[in-house]
Amino acid sequence: KMASWMDPSTRKQRLLQKQYLKEMPTRIHRMPEVEVNRRRWEGCDFIKRVGEALKMYRPATSCACVLFNRFYARNGFCDNKPASWSKDDWQGYLPHQFATLSWRFVAVGCLFLAGKIEDNPKKI
């Protein structure tokens, strides 16, 4: 039986500890904190601009920013696949030209998912 996201036993998986957040730039992203914050800001700015162009509601774009930041709380900006995927899952998914997982793909995916979550879906 799969646990509900509201189940208290899954709380530790959903919430990020302060120590984890403090070590995140060097451990996950392997870059200075200033650079990580700049990339996170650029991602949310991109989401905001694309959301406005698609005439999405503000709660949907805000939700997309949260999803974007949560994704990059567990995955590095320099990674070529999400941390939870095995090599077999990722093999052949993207053309070989993409050396890393583009943050723009992630941002657009977050917008798409946020549109579904907030009942404001758009064709992307």
PDB file of N, CA and C in Angstrom:
ATOM      1  N   LYS A   1       0.845  -1.185   0.000  1.00  0.00           N
ATOM      2  CA  LYS A   1       0.000   0.000   0.000  1.00  0.00           C
ATOM      3  C   LYS A   1       0.890   1.248   0.000  1.00  0.00           C
ATOM      4  N   MET A   2       0.567   2.172  -0.876  1.00  0.00           N
ATOM      5  CA  MET A   2       1.357   3.400  -0.990  1.00  0.00           C
ATOM      6  C   MET A   2       0.854   4.430   0.032  1.00  0.00           C
ATOM      7  N   ALA A   3       1.784   5.091   0.702  1.00  0.00           N
ATOM      8  CA  ALA A   3       1.425   6.084   1.714  1.00  0.00           C
ATOM      9  C   ALA A   3       0.961   7.374   1.049  1.00  0.00           C
ATOM     10  N   SER A   4       0.004   8.019   1.684  1.00  0.00           N
ATOM     11  CA  SER A   4      -0.493   9.302   1.203  1.00  0.00           C
ATOM     12  C   SER A   4       0.564  10.368   1.428  1.00  0.00           C
ATOM     13  N   TRP A   5       0.548  11.411   0.594  1.00  0.00           N
ATOM     14  CA  TRP A   5       1.514  12.494   0.776  1.00  0.00           C
ATOM     15  C   TRP A   5       1.251  13.235   2.082  1.00  0.00           C
ATOM     16  N   MET A   6       0.057  13.100   2.644  1.00  0.00           N
ATOM     17  CA  MET A   6      -0.264  13.752   3.916  1.00  0.00           C
ATOM     18  C   MET A   6       0.106  12.893   5.120  1.00  0.00           C
ATOM     19  N   ASP A   7       0.484  11.654   4.876  1.00  0.00           N
ATOM     20  CA  ASP A   7       0.833  10.733   5.942  1.00  0.00           C
ATOM     21  C   ASP A   7       2.045  11.271   6.713  1.00  0.00           C
ATOM     22  N   PRO A   8       1.955  11.376   8.045  1.00  0.00           N
ATOM     23  CA  PRO A   8       3.081  11.893   8.838  1.00  0.00           C
ATOM     24  C   PRO A   8       4.367  11.086   8.682  1.00  0.00           C
ATOM     25  N   SER A   9       4.256   9.815   8.315  1.00  0.00           N
ATOM     26  CA  SER A   9       5.462   8.999   8.167  1.00  0.00           C
ATOM     27  C   SER A   9       6.291   9.422   6.949  1.00  0.00           C
ATOM     28  N   THR A  10       5.704  10.136   5.997  1.00  0.00           N
ATOM     29  CA  THR A  10       6.441  10.598   4.817  1.00  0.00           C
ATOM     30  C   THR A  10       6.950  12.031   4.986  1.00  0.00           C
ATOM     31  N   ARG A  11       6.719  12.622   6.125  1.00  0.00           N
ATOM     32  CA  ARG A  11       7.108  14.012   6.369  1.00  0.00           C
ATOM     33  C   ARG A  11       8.601  14.255   6.146  1.00  0.00           C
ATOM     34  N   LYS A  12       9.421  13.321   6.593  1.00  0.00           N
ATOM     35  CA  LYS A  12      10.871  13.489   6.462  1.00  0.00           C
ATOM     36  C   LYS A  12      11.303  13.521   4.993  1.00  0.00           C
ATOM     37  N   GLN A  13      10.601  12.794   4.135  1.00  0.00           N
ATOM     38  CA  GLN A  13      10.919  12.786   2.708  1.00  0.00           C
ATOM     39  C   GLN A  13      10.496  14.099   2.043  1.00  0.00           C
ATOM     40  N   ARG A  14       9.397  14.692   2.507  1.00  0.00           N
ATOM     41  CA  ARG A  14       8.865  15.896   1.874  1.00  0.00           C
ATOM     42  C   ARG A  14       9.570  17.168   2.310  1.00  0.00           C
ATOM     43  N   LEU A  15       9.953  17.247   3.571  1.00  0.00           N
ATOM     44  CA  LEU A  15      10.552  18.467   4.098  1.00  0.00           C
ATOM     45  C   LEU A  15      12.077  18.388   4.039  1.00  0.00           C
ATOM     46  N   LEU A  16      12.688  19.488   3.749  1.00  0.00           N
ATOM     47  CA  LEU A  16      14.145  19.545   3.677  1.00  0.00           C
ATOM     48  C   LEU A  16      14.703  20.119   4.977  1.00  0.00           C
ATOM     49  N   GLN A  17      15.687  19.445   5.535  1.00  0.00           N
ATOM     50  CA  GLN A  17      16.292  19.880   6.788  1.00  0.00           C
ATOM     51  C   GLN A  17      17.186  21.101   6.549  1.00  0.00           C
ATOM     52  N   LYS A  18      17.339  21.938   7.562  1.00  0.00           N
ATOM     53  CA  LYS A  18      18.173  23.142   7.441  1.00  0.00           C
ATOM     54  C   LYS A  18      19.613  22.793   7.075  1.00  0.00           C
ATOM     55  N   GLN A  19      20.144  21.747   7.682  1.00  0.00           N
ATOM     56  CA  GLN A  19      21.517  21.331   7.390  1.00  0.00           C
ATOM     57  C   GLN A  19      21.658  20.923   5.930  1.00  0.00           C
ATOM     58  N   TYR A  20      20.648  20.225   5.398  1.00  0.00           N
ATOM     59  CA  TYR A  20      20.659  19.811   3.999  1.00  0.00           C
ATOM     60  C   TYR A  20      20.665  21.038   3.086  1.00  0.00           C
ATOM     61  N   LEU A  21      19.825  22.030   3.401  1.00  0.00           N
ATOM     62  CA  LEU A  21      19.764  23.253   2.598  1.00  0.00           C
ATOM     63  C   LEU A  21      21.074  24.037   2.651  1.00  0.00           C
ATOM     64  N   LYS A  22      21.716  24.004   3.805  1.00  0.00           N
ATOM     65  CA  LYS A  22      22.985  24.718   3.968  1.00  0.00           C
ATOM     66  C   LYS A  22      24.098  24.081   3.131  1.00  0.00           C
ATOM     67  N   GLU A  23      24.121  22.754   3.064  1.00  0.00           N
ATOM     68  CA  GLU A  23      25.158  22.033   2.328  1.00  0.00           C
ATOM     69  C   GLU A  23      24.828  21.844   0.850  1.00  0.00           C
ATOM     70  N   MET A  24      23.599  22.139   0.463  1.00  0.00           N
ATOM     71  CA  MET A  24      23.122  21.841  -0.887  1.00  0.00           C
ATOM     72  C   MET A  24      23.979  22.424  -2.008  1.00  0.00           C
ATOM     73  N   PRO A  25      24.373  23.706  -1.987  1.00  0.00           N
ATOM     74  CA  PRO A  25      25.133  24.231  -3.129  1.00  0.00           C
ATOM     75  C   PRO A  25      26.422  23.467  -3.419  1.00  0.00           C
ATOM     76  N   THR A  26      27.148  23.084  -2.390  1.00  0.00           N
ATOM     77  CA  THR A  26      28.411  22.393  -2.635  1.00  0.00           C
ATOM     78  C   THR A  26      28.206  20.895  -2.852  1.00  0.00           C
ATOM     79  N   ARG A  27      27.278  20.284  -2.129  1.00  0.00           N
ATOM     80  CA  ARG A  27      27.113  18.837  -2.215  1.00  0.00           C
ATOM     81  C   ARG A  27      26.321  18.409  -3.448  1.00  0.00           C
ATOM     82  N   ILE A  28      25.210  19.076  -3.721  1.00  0.00           N
ATOM     83  CA  ILE A  28      24.350  18.680  -4.833  1.00  0.00           C
ATOM     84  C   ILE A  28      24.785  19.340  -6.138  1.00  0.00           C
ATOM     85  N   HIS A  29      24.998  20.660  -6.110  1.00  0.00           N
ATOM     86  CA  HIS A  29      25.257  21.408  -7.335  1.00  0.00           C
ATOM     87  C   HIS A  29      26.732  21.543  -7.682  1.00  0.00           C
ATOM     88  N   ARG A  30      27.603  21.360  -6.717  1.00  0.00           N
ATOM     89  CA  ARG A  30      29.045  21.485  -6.919  1.00  0.00           C
ATOM     90  C   ARG A  30      29.418  22.859  -7.496  1.00  0.00           C
ATOM     91  N   MET A  31      28.806  23.909  -6.923  1.00  0.00           N
ATOM     92  CA  MET A  31      29.108  25.283  -7.340  1.00  0.00           C
ATOM     93  C   MET A  31      28.823  26.220  -6.175  1.00  0.00           C
ATOM     94  N   PRO A  32      29.318  27.453  -6.222  1.00  0.00           N
ATOM     95  CA  PRO A  32      29.101  28.396  -5.118  1.00  0.00           C
ATOM     96  C   PRO A  32      27.620  28.727  -4.918  1.00  0.00           C
ATOM     97  N   GLU A  33      27.293  29.075  -3.687  1.00  0.00           N
ATOM     98  CA  GLU A  33      25.902  29.379  -3.341  1.00  0.00           C
ATOM     99  C   GLU A  33      25.340  30.530  -4.173  1.00  0.00           C
ATOM    100  N   VAL A  34      26.175  31.532  -4.454  1.00  0.00           N
ATOM    101  CA  VAL A  34      25.728  32.680  -5.251  1.00  0.00           C
ATOM    102  C   VAL A  34      25.270  32.221  -6.639  1.00  0.00           C
ATOM    103  N   GLU A  35      26.018  31.316  -7.242  1.00  0.00           N
ATOM    104  CA  GLU A  35      25.664  30.804  -8.574  1.00  0.00           C
ATOM    105  C   GLU A  35      24.384  29.985  -8.528  1.00  0.00           C
ATOM    106  N   VAL A  36      24.212  29.165  -7.504  1.00  0.00           N
ATOM    107  CA  VAL A  36      22.989  28.364  -7.353  1.00  0.00           C
ATOM    108  C   VAL A  36      21.785  29.287  -7.212  1.00  0.00           C
ATOM    109  N   ASN A  37      21.899  30.314  -6.367  1.00  0.00           N
ATOM    110  CA  ASN A  37      20.787  31.250  -6.184  1.00  0.00           C
ATOM    111  C   ASN A  37      20.465  32.008  -7.464  1.00  0.00           C
ATOM    112  N   ARG A  38      21.500  32.362  -8.226  1.00  0.00           N
ATOM    113  CA  ARG A  38      21.270  33.053  -9.497  1.00  0.00           C
ATOM    114  C   ARG A  38      20.512  32.159 -10.469  1.00  0.00           C
ATOM    115  N   ARG A  39      20.887  30.896 -10.561  1.00  0.00           N
ATOM    116  CA  ARG A  39      20.205  29.966 -11.467  1.00  0.00           C
ATOM    117  C   ARG A  39      18.770  29.698 -11.033  1.00  0.00           C
ATOM    118  N   ARG A  40      18.556  29.605  -9.735  1.00  0.00           N
ATOM    119  CA  ARG A  40      17.186  29.414  -9.237  1.00  0.00           C
ATOM    120  C   ARG A  40      16.329  30.634  -9.558  1.00  0.00           C
ATOM    121  N   TRP A  41      16.903  31.835  -9.414  1.00  0.00           N
ATOM    122  CA  TRP A  41      16.172  33.057  -9.723  1.00  0.00           C
ATOM    123  C   TRP A  41      15.865  33.120 -11.225  1.00  0.00           C
ATOM    124  N   GLU A  42      16.851  32.789 -12.062  1.00  0.00           N
ATOM    125  CA  GLU A  42      16.632  32.793 -13.511  1.00  0.00           C
ATOM    126  C   GLU A  42      15.530  31.814 -13.908  1.00  0.00           C
ATOM    127  N   GLY A  43      15.510  30.660 -13.277  1.00  0.00           N
ATOM    128  CA  GLY A  43      14.467  29.670 -13.562  1.00  0.00           C
ATOM    129  C   GLY A  43      13.082  30.196 -13.228  1.00  0.00           C
ATOM    130  N   CYS A  44      12.950  30.818 -12.065  1.00  0.00           N
ATOM    131  CA  CYS A  44      11.642  31.357 -11.674  1.00  0.00           C
ATOM    132  C   CYS A  44      11.252  32.559 -12.529  1.00  0.00           C
ATOM    133  N   ASP A  45      12.235  33.357 -12.932  1.00  0.00           N
ATOM    134  CA  ASP A  45      11.942  34.484 -13.826  1.00  0.00           C
ATOM    135  C   ASP A  45      11.465  33.957 -15.187  1.00  0.00           C
ATOM    136  N   PHE A  46      12.099  32.920 -15.689  1.00  0.00           N
ATOM    137  CA  PHE A  46      11.688  32.298 -16.948  1.00  0.00           C
ATOM    138  C   PHE A  46      10.262  31.757 -16.832  1.00  0.00           C
ATOM    139  N   ILE A  47       9.972  31.079 -15.726  1.00  0.00           N
ATOM    140  CA  ILE A  47       8.635  30.536 -15.495  1.00  0.00           C
ATOM    141  C   ILE A  47       7.607  31.669 -15.467  1.00  0.00           C
ATOM    142  N   LYS A  48       7.936  32.765 -14.789  1.00  0.00           N
ATOM    143  CA  LYS A  48       7.021  33.904 -14.702  1.00  0.00           C
ATOM    144  C   LYS A  48       6.741  34.486 -16.085  1.00  0.00           C
ATOM    145  N   ARG A  49       7.785  34.676 -16.891  1.00  0.00           N
ATOM    146  CA  ARG A  49       7.610  35.267 -18.222  1.00  0.00           C
ATOM    147  C   ARG A  49       6.810  34.347 -19.145  1.00  0.00           C
ATOM    148  N   VAL A  50       7.114  33.052 -19.140  1.00  0.00           N
ATOM    149  CA  VAL A  50       6.379  32.106 -19.981  1.00  0.00           C
ATOM    150  C   VAL A  50       4.935  31.986 -19.489  1.00  0.00           C
ATOM    151  N   GLY A  51       4.741  31.968 -18.171  1.00  0.00           N
ATOM    152  CA  GLY A  51       3.393  31.917 -17.615  1.00  0.00           C
ATOM    153  C   GLY A  51       2.556  33.125 -18.018  1.00  0.00           C
ATOM    154  N   GLU A  52       3.162  34.302 -18.006  1.00  0.00           N
ATOM    155  CA  GLU A  52       2.448  35.508 -18.441  1.00  0.00           C
ATOM    156  C   GLU A  52       2.113  35.433 -19.929  1.00  0.00           C
ATOM    157  N   ALA A  53       3.034  34.936 -20.737  1.00  0.00           N
ATOM    158  CA  ALA A  53       2.789  34.808 -22.173  1.00  0.00           C
ATOM    159  C   ALA A  53       1.654  33.827 -22.457  1.00  0.00           C
ATOM    160  N   LEU A  54       1.540  32.792 -21.625  1.00  0.00           N
ATOM    161  CA  LEU A  54       0.464  31.805 -21.780  1.00  0.00           C
ATOM    162  C   LEU A  54      -0.819  32.220 -21.070  1.00  0.00           C
ATOM    163  N   LYS A  55      -0.788  33.383 -20.418  1.00  0.00           N
ATOM    164  CA  LYS A  55      -1.933  33.897 -19.651  1.00  0.00           C
ATOM    165  C   LYS A  55      -2.373  32.913 -18.558  1.00  0.00           C
ATOM    166  N   MET A  56      -1.361  32.377 -17.864  1.00  0.00           N
ATOM    167  CA  MET A  56      -1.648  31.481 -16.735  1.00  0.00           C
ATOM    168  C   MET A  56      -1.912  32.319 -15.496  1.00  0.00           C
ATOM    169  N   TYR A  57      -2.711  31.783 -14.606  1.00  0.00           N
ATOM    170  CA  TYR A  57      -3.006  32.475 -13.355  1.00  0.00           C
ATOM    171  C   TYR A  57      -1.762  32.494 -12.473  1.00  0.00           C
ATOM    172  N   ARG A  58      -1.674  33.515 -11.634  1.00  0.00           N
ATOM    173  CA  ARG A  58      -0.500  33.666 -10.767  1.00  0.00           C
ATOM    174  C   ARG A  58      -0.295  32.470  -9.829  1.00  0.00           C
ATOM    175  N   PRO A  59      -1.359  31.884  -9.241  1.00  0.00           N
ATOM    176  CA  PRO A  59      -1.112  30.702  -8.390  1.00  0.00           C
ATOM    177  C   PRO A  59      -0.451  29.551  -9.147  1.00  0.00           C
ATOM    178  N   ALA A  60      -0.765  29.414 -10.423  1.00  0.00           N
ATOM    179  CA  ALA A  60      -0.155  28.340 -11.209  1.00  0.00           C
ATOM    180  C   ALA A  60       1.332  28.615 -11.435  1.00  0.00           C
ATOM    181  N   THR A  61       1.690  29.866 -11.739  1.00  0.00           N
ATOM    182  CA  THR A  61       3.112  30.168 -11.943  1.00  0.00           C
ATOM    183  C   THR A  61       3.879  30.084 -10.622  1.00  0.00           C
ATOM    184  N   SER A  62       3.234  30.473  -9.541  1.00  0.00           N
ATOM    185  CA  SER A  62       3.879  30.347  -8.225  1.00  0.00           C
ATOM    186  C   SER A  62       4.112  28.878  -7.879  1.00  0.00           C
ATOM    187  N   CYS A  63       3.132  28.047  -8.176  1.00  0.00           N
ATOM    188  CA  CYS A  63       3.265  26.607  -7.941  1.00  0.00           C
ATOM    189  C   CYS A  63       4.399  26.041  -8.789  1.00  0.00           C
ATOM    190  N   ALA A  64       4.529  26.514 -10.029  1.00  0.00           N
ATOM    191  CA  ALA A  64       5.605  26.053 -10.907  1.00  0.00           C
ATOM    192  C   ALA A  64       6.969  26.422 -10.331  1.00  0.00           C
ATOM    193  N   CYS A  65       7.083  27.613  -9.748  1.00  0.00           N
ATOM    194  CA  CYS A  65       8.349  28.021  -9.127  1.00  0.00           C
ATOM    195  C   CYS A  65       8.693  27.127  -7.940  1.00  0.00           C
ATOM    196  N   VAL A  66       7.687  26.768  -7.163  1.00  0.00           N
ATOM    197  CA  VAL A  66       7.916  25.869  -6.032  1.00  0.00           C
ATOM    198  C   VAL A  66       8.386  24.505  -6.537  1.00  0.00           C
ATOM    199  N   LEU A  67       7.720  23.989  -7.564  1.00  0.00           N
ATOM    200  CA  LEU A  67       8.112  22.695  -8.126  1.00  0.00           C
ATOM    201  C   LEU A  67       9.536  22.748  -8.683  1.00  0.00           C
ATOM    202  N   PHE A  68       9.883  23.836  -9.357  1.00  0.00           N
ATOM    203  CA  PHE A  68      11.221  24.012  -9.919  1.00  0.00           C
ATOM    204  C   PHE A  68      12.275  23.988  -8.814  1.00  0.00           C
ATOM    205  N   ASN A  69      12.025  24.753  -7.751  1.00  0.00           N
ATOM    206  CA  ASN A  69      12.997  24.807  -6.653  1.00  0.00           C
ATOM    207  C   ASN A  69      13.070  23.492  -5.897  1.00  0.00           C
ATOM    208  N   ARG A  70      11.957  22.785  -5.771  1.00  0.00           N
ATOM    209  CA  ARG A  70      11.993  21.482  -5.101  1.00  0.00           C
ATOM    210  C   ARG A  70      12.755  20.455  -5.951  1.00  0.00           C
ATOM    211  N   PHE A  71      12.591  20.532  -7.271  1.00  0.00           N
ATOM    212  CA  PHE A  71      13.337  19.622  -8.145  1.00  0.00           C
ATOM    213  C   PHE A  71      14.833  19.852  -7.976  1.00  0.00           C
ATOM    214  N   TYR A  72      15.239  21.128  -7.987  1.00  0.00           N
ATOM    215  CA  TYR A  72      16.663  21.425  -7.880  1.00  0.00           C
ATOM    216  C   TYR A  72      17.177  21.392  -6.445  1.00  0.00           C
ATOM    217  N   ALA A  73      16.331  21.148  -5.491  1.00  0.00           N
ATOM    218  CA  ALA A  73      16.800  20.891  -4.130  1.00  0.00           C
ATOM    219  C   ALA A  73      17.354  19.473  -4.027  1.00  0.00           C
ATOM    220  N   ARG A  74      16.928  18.604  -4.923  1.00  0.00           N
ATOM    221  CA  ARG A  74      17.384  17.209  -4.900  1.00  0.00           C
ATOM    222  C   ARG A  74      18.298  16.854  -6.073  1.00  0.00           C
ATOM    223  N   ASN A  75      18.299  17.674  -7.120  1.00  0.00           N
ATOM    224  CA  ASN A  75      19.065  17.397  -8.335  1.00  0.00           C
ATOM    225  C   ASN A  75      19.966  18.576  -8.646  1.00  0.00           C
ATOM    226  N   GLY A  76      21.186  18.297  -9.084  1.00  0.00           N
ATOM    227  CA  GLY A  76      22.134  19.358  -9.378  1.00  0.00           C
ATOM    228  C   GLY A  76      21.883  20.029 -10.723  1.00  0.00           C
ATOM    229  N   PHE A  77      22.254  21.295 -10.838  1.00  0.00           N
ATOM    230  CA  PHE A  77      22.125  22.014 -12.100  1.00  0.00           C
ATOM    231  C   PHE A  77      23.057  21.438 -13.167  1.00  0.00           C
ATOM    232  N   CYS A  78      24.105  20.769 -12.759  1.00  0.00           N
ATOM    233  CA  CYS A  78      25.077  20.223 -13.703  1.00  0.00           C
ATOM    234  C   CYS A  78      24.815  18.749 -14.030  1.00  0.00           C
ATOM    235  N   ASP A  79      23.774  18.171 -13.466  1.00  0.00           N
ATOM    236  CA  ASP A  79      23.499  16.752 -13.685  1.00  0.00           C
ATOM    237  C   ASP A  79      22.921  16.514 -15.067  1.00  0.00           C
ATOM    238  N   ASN A  80      23.113  15.295 -15.566  1.00  0.00           N
ATOM    239  CA  ASN A  80      22.559  14.953 -16.863  1.00  0.00           C
ATOM    240  C   ASN A  80      21.306  14.101 -16.752  1.00  0.00           C
ATOM    241  N   LYS A  81      20.855  13.814 -15.543  1.00  0.00           N
ATOM    242  CA  LYS A  81      19.607  13.094 -15.321  1.00  0.00           C
ATOM    243  C   LYS A  81      19.157  13.307 -13.885  1.00  0.00           C
ATOM    244  N   PRO A  82      17.867  13.161 -13.600  1.00  0.00           N
ATOM    245  CA  PRO A  82      17.414  13.274 -12.212  1.00  0.00           C
ATOM    246  C   PRO A  82      18.083  12.230 -11.318  1.00  0.00           C
ATOM    247  N   ALA A  83      18.327  12.604 -10.076  1.00  0.00           N
ATOM    248  CA  ALA A  83      19.069  11.743  -9.149  1.00  0.00           C
ATOM    249  C   ALA A  83      18.383  10.401  -8.906  1.00  0.00           C
ATOM    250  N   SER A  84      17.052  10.375  -8.939  1.00  0.00           N
ATOM    251  CA  SER A  84      16.334   9.150  -8.611  1.00  0.00           C
ATOM    252  C   SER A  84      16.248   8.179  -9.792  1.00  0.00           C
ATOM    253  N   TRP A  85      16.652   8.581 -10.982  1.00  0.00           N
ATOM    254  CA  TRP A  85      16.576   7.712 -12.148  1.00  0.00           C
ATOM    255  C   TRP A  85      17.835   6.877 -12.275  1.00  0.00           C
ATOM    256  N   SER A  86      17.646   5.635 -12.681  1.00  0.00           N
ATOM    257  CA  SER A  86      18.813   4.803 -12.970  1.00  0.00           C
ATOM    258  C   SER A  86      19.260   5.084 -14.404  1.00  0.00           C
ATOM    259  N   LYS A  87      20.427   4.623 -14.751  1.00  0.00           N
ATOM    260  CA  LYS A  87      20.956   4.866 -16.094  1.00  0.00           C
ATOM    261  C   LYS A  87      20.048   4.244 -17.156  1.00  0.00           C
ATOM    262  N   ASP A  88      19.451   3.099 -16.852  1.00  0.00           N
ATOM    263  CA  ASP A  88      18.574   2.425 -17.807  1.00  0.00           C
ATOM    264  C   ASP A  88      17.314   3.244 -18.090  1.00  0.00           C
ATOM    265  N   ASP A  89      16.800   3.935 -17.083  1.00  0.00           N
ATOM    266  CA  ASP A  89      15.602   4.759 -17.274  1.00  0.00           C
ATOM    267  C   ASP A  89      15.880   5.926 -18.206  1.00  0.00           C
ATOM    268  N   TRP A  90      17.070   6.469 -18.143  1.00  0.00           N
ATOM    269  CA  TRP A  90      17.419   7.701 -18.845  1.00  0.00           C
ATOM    270  C   TRP A  90      17.970   7.443 -20.237  1.00  0.00           C
ATOM    271  N   GLN A  91      18.495   6.256 -20.472  1.00  0.00           N
ATOM    272  CA  GLN A  91      19.177   5.940 -21.724  1.00  0.00           C
ATOM    273  C   GLN A  91      18.262   6.165 -22.921  1.00  0.00           C
ATOM    274  N   GLY A  92      18.702   7.002 -23.851  1.00  0.00           N
ATOM    275  CA  GLY A  92      17.962   7.229 -25.082  1.00  0.00           C
ATOM    276  C   GLY A  92      16.785   8.166 -24.956  1.00  0.00           C
ATOM    277  N   TYR A  93      16.589   8.779 -23.791  1.00  0.00           N
ATOM    278  CA  TYR A  93      15.429   9.656 -23.599  1.00  0.00           C
ATOM    279  C   TYR A  93      15.610  10.986 -24.313  1.00  0.00           C
ATOM    280  N   LEU A  94      16.793  11.558 -24.240  1.00  0.00           N
ATOM    281  CA  LEU A  94      17.087  12.822 -24.918  1.00  0.00           C
ATOM    282  C   LEU A  94      18.149  12.602 -25.986  1.00  0.00           C
ATOM    283  N   PRO A  95      18.141  13.433 -27.020  1.00  0.00           N
ATOM    284  CA  PRO A  95      19.213  13.323 -28.014  1.00  0.00           C
ATOM    285  C   PRO A  95      20.583  13.521 -27.373  1.00  0.00           C
ATOM    286  N   HIS A  96      21.594  12.957 -27.967  1.00  0.00           N
ATOM    287  CA  HIS A  96      22.947  13.007 -27.399  1.00  0.00           C
ATOM    288  C   HIS A  96      23.512  14.425 -27.350  1.00  0.00           C
ATOM    289  N   GLN A  97      22.907  15.383 -28.073  1.00  0.00           N
ATOM    290  CA  GLN A  97      23.406  16.749 -28.065  1.00  0.00           C
ATOM    291  C   GLN A  97      23.275  17.395 -26.685  1.00  0.00           C
ATOM    292  N   PHE A  98      22.355  16.917 -25.877  1.00  0.00           N
ATOM    293  CA  PHE A  98      22.137  17.499 -24.560  1.00  0.00           C
ATOM    294  C   PHE A  98      23.076  16.844 -23.556  1.00  0.00           C
ATOM    295  N   ALA A  99      24.122  17.564 -23.205  1.00  0.00           N
ATOM    296  CA  ALA A  99      25.101  17.028 -22.252  1.00  0.00           C
ATOM    297  C   ALA A  99      24.524  17.031 -20.842  1.00  0.00           C
ATOM    298  N   THR A 100      23.665  17.999 -20.551  1.00  0.00           N
ATOM    299  CA  THR A 100      23.044  18.072 -19.234  1.00  0.00           C
ATOM    300  C   THR A 100      21.539  18.259 -19.394  1.00  0.00           C
ATOM    301  N   LEU A 101      20.825  17.993 -18.339  1.00  0.00           N
ATOM    302  CA  LEU A 101      19.384  18.199 -18.316  1.00  0.00           C
ATOM    303  C   LEU A 101      19.140  19.706 -18.262  1.00  0.00           C
ATOM    304  N   SER A 102      18.574  20.263 -19.305  1.00  0.00           N
ATOM    305  CA  SER A 102      18.392  21.710 -19.394  1.00  0.00           C
ATOM    306  C   SER A 102      17.372  22.205 -18.372  1.00  0.00           C
ATOM    307  N   TRP A 103      17.727  23.262 -17.671  1.00  0.00           N
ATOM    308  CA  TRP A 103      16.807  23.837 -16.686  1.00  0.00           C
ATOM    309  C   TRP A 103      15.561  24.389 -17.368  1.00  0.00           C
ATOM    310  N   ARG A 104      15.653  24.741 -18.653  1.00  0.00           N
ATOM    311  CA  ARG A 104      14.476  25.233 -19.370  1.00  0.00           C
ATOM    312  C   ARG A 104      13.443  24.124 -19.563  1.00  0.00           C
ATOM    313  N   PHE A 105      13.916  22.900 -19.862  1.00  0.00           N
ATOM    314  CA  PHE A 105      12.998  21.759 -19.954  1.00  0.00           C
ATOM    315  C   PHE A 105      12.303  21.528 -18.622  1.00  0.00           C
ATOM    316  N   VAL A 106      13.082  21.603 -17.563  1.00  0.00           N
ATOM    317  CA  VAL A 106      12.523  21.402 -16.223  1.00  0.00           C
ATOM    318  C   VAL A 106      11.506  22.496 -15.914  1.00  0.00           C
ATOM    319  N   ALA A 107      11.819  23.756 -16.241  1.00  0.00           N
ATOM    320  CA  ALA A 107      10.916  24.877 -15.962  1.00  0.00           C
ATOM    321  C   ALA A 107       9.603  24.729 -16.728  1.00  0.00           C
ATOM    322  N   VAL A 108       9.673  24.352 -18.000  1.00  0.00           N
ATOM    323  CA  VAL A 108       8.454  24.173 -18.791  1.00  0.00           C
ATOM    324  C   VAL A 108       7.650  22.980 -18.265  1.00  0.00           C
ATOM    325  N   GLY A 109       8.343  21.929 -17.869  1.00  0.00           N
ATOM    326  CA  GLY A 109       7.654  20.789 -17.263  1.00  0.00           C
ATOM    327  C   GLY A 109       6.955  21.174 -15.968  1.00  0.00           C
ATOM    328  N   CYS A 110       7.598  22.024 -15.181  1.00  0.00           N
ATOM    329  CA  CYS A 110       6.986  22.502 -13.935  1.00  0.00           C
ATOM    330  C   CYS A 110       5.757  23.356 -14.229  1.00  0.00           C
ATOM    331  N   LEU A 111       5.817  24.179 -15.273  1.00  0.00           N
ATOM    332  CA  LEU A 111       4.648  24.981 -15.671  1.00  0.00           C
ATOM    333  C   LEU A 111       3.493  24.090 -16.099  1.00  0.00           C
ATOM    334  N   PHE A 112       3.808  23.077 -16.872  1.00  0.00           N
ATOM    335  CA  PHE A 112       2.771  22.147 -17.325  1.00  0.00           C
ATOM    336  C   PHE A 112       2.107  21.456 -16.139  1.00  0.00           C
ATOM    337  N   LEU A 113       2.926  20.942 -15.234  1.00  0.00           N
ATOM    338  CA  LEU A 113       2.404  20.243 -14.064  1.00  0.00           C
ATOM    339  C   LEU A 113       1.629  21.189 -13.148  1.00  0.00           C
ATOM    340  N   ALA A 114       2.139  22.398 -12.954  1.00  0.00           N
ATOM    341  CA  ALA A 114       1.452  23.378 -12.105  1.00  0.00           C
ATOM    342  C   ALA A 114       0.103  23.767 -12.696  1.00  0.00           C
ATOM    343  N   GLY A 115       0.022  23.852 -14.028  1.00  0.00           N
ATOM    344  CA  GLY A 115      -1.259  24.132 -14.668  1.00  0.00           C
ATOM    345  C   GLY A 115      -2.279  23.056 -14.360  1.00  0.00           C
ATOM    346  N   LYS A 116      -1.841  21.817 -14.343  1.00  0.00           N
ATOM    347  CA  LYS A 116      -2.738  20.711 -13.984  1.00  0.00           C
ATOM    348  C   LYS A 116      -3.133  20.768 -12.508  1.00  0.00           C
ATOM    349  N   ILE A 117      -2.158  21.044 -11.659  1.00  0.00           N
ATOM    350  CA  ILE A 117      -2.425  21.095 -10.207  1.00  0.00           C
ATOM    351  C   ILE A 117      -3.420  22.205  -9.876  1.00  0.00           C
ATOM    352  N   GLU A 118      -3.240  23.362 -10.486  1.00  0.00           N
ATOM    353  CA  GLU A 118      -4.068  24.543 -10.188  1.00  0.00           C
ATOM    354  C   GLU A 118      -5.276  24.689 -11.107  1.00  0.00           C
ATOM    355  N   ASP A 119      -5.623  23.638 -11.850  1.00  0.00           N
ATOM    356  CA  ASP A 119      -6.758  23.685 -12.771  1.00  0.00           C
ATOM    357  C   ASP A 119      -6.672  24.855 -13.743  1.00  0.00           C
ATOM    358  N   ASN A 120      -5.493  25.063 -14.304  1.00  0.00           N
ATOM    359  CA  ASN A 120      -5.257  26.113 -15.271  1.00  0.00           C
ATOM    360  C   ASN A 120      -4.352  25.577 -16.389  1.00  0.00           C
ATOM    361  N   PRO A 121      -4.746  24.418 -16.986  1.00  0.00           N
ATOM    362  CA  PRO A 121      -3.861  23.803 -17.974  1.00  0.00           C
ATOM    363  C   PRO A 121      -3.781  24.626 -19.255  1.00  0.00           C
ATOM    364  N   LYS A 122      -2.594  24.621 -19.859  1.00  0.00           N
ATOM    365  CA  LYS A 122      -2.356  25.294 -21.137  1.00  0.00           C
ATOM    366  C   LYS A 122      -1.600  24.337 -22.051  1.00  0.00           C
ATOM    367  N   LYS A 123      -1.776  24.519 -23.345  1.00  0.00           N
ATOM    368  CA  LYS A 123      -1.001  23.730 -24.308  1.00  0.00           C
ATOM    369  C   LYS A 123       0.376  24.358 -24.411  1.00  0.00           C
ATOM    370  N   ILE A 124       1.384  23.558 -24.152  1.00  0.00           N
ATOM    371  CA  ILE A 124       2.761  24.077 -24.176  1.00  0.00           C
ATOM    372  C   ILE A 124       3.486  23.465 -25.357  1.00  0.00           C
TER     373      ILE A 124
END
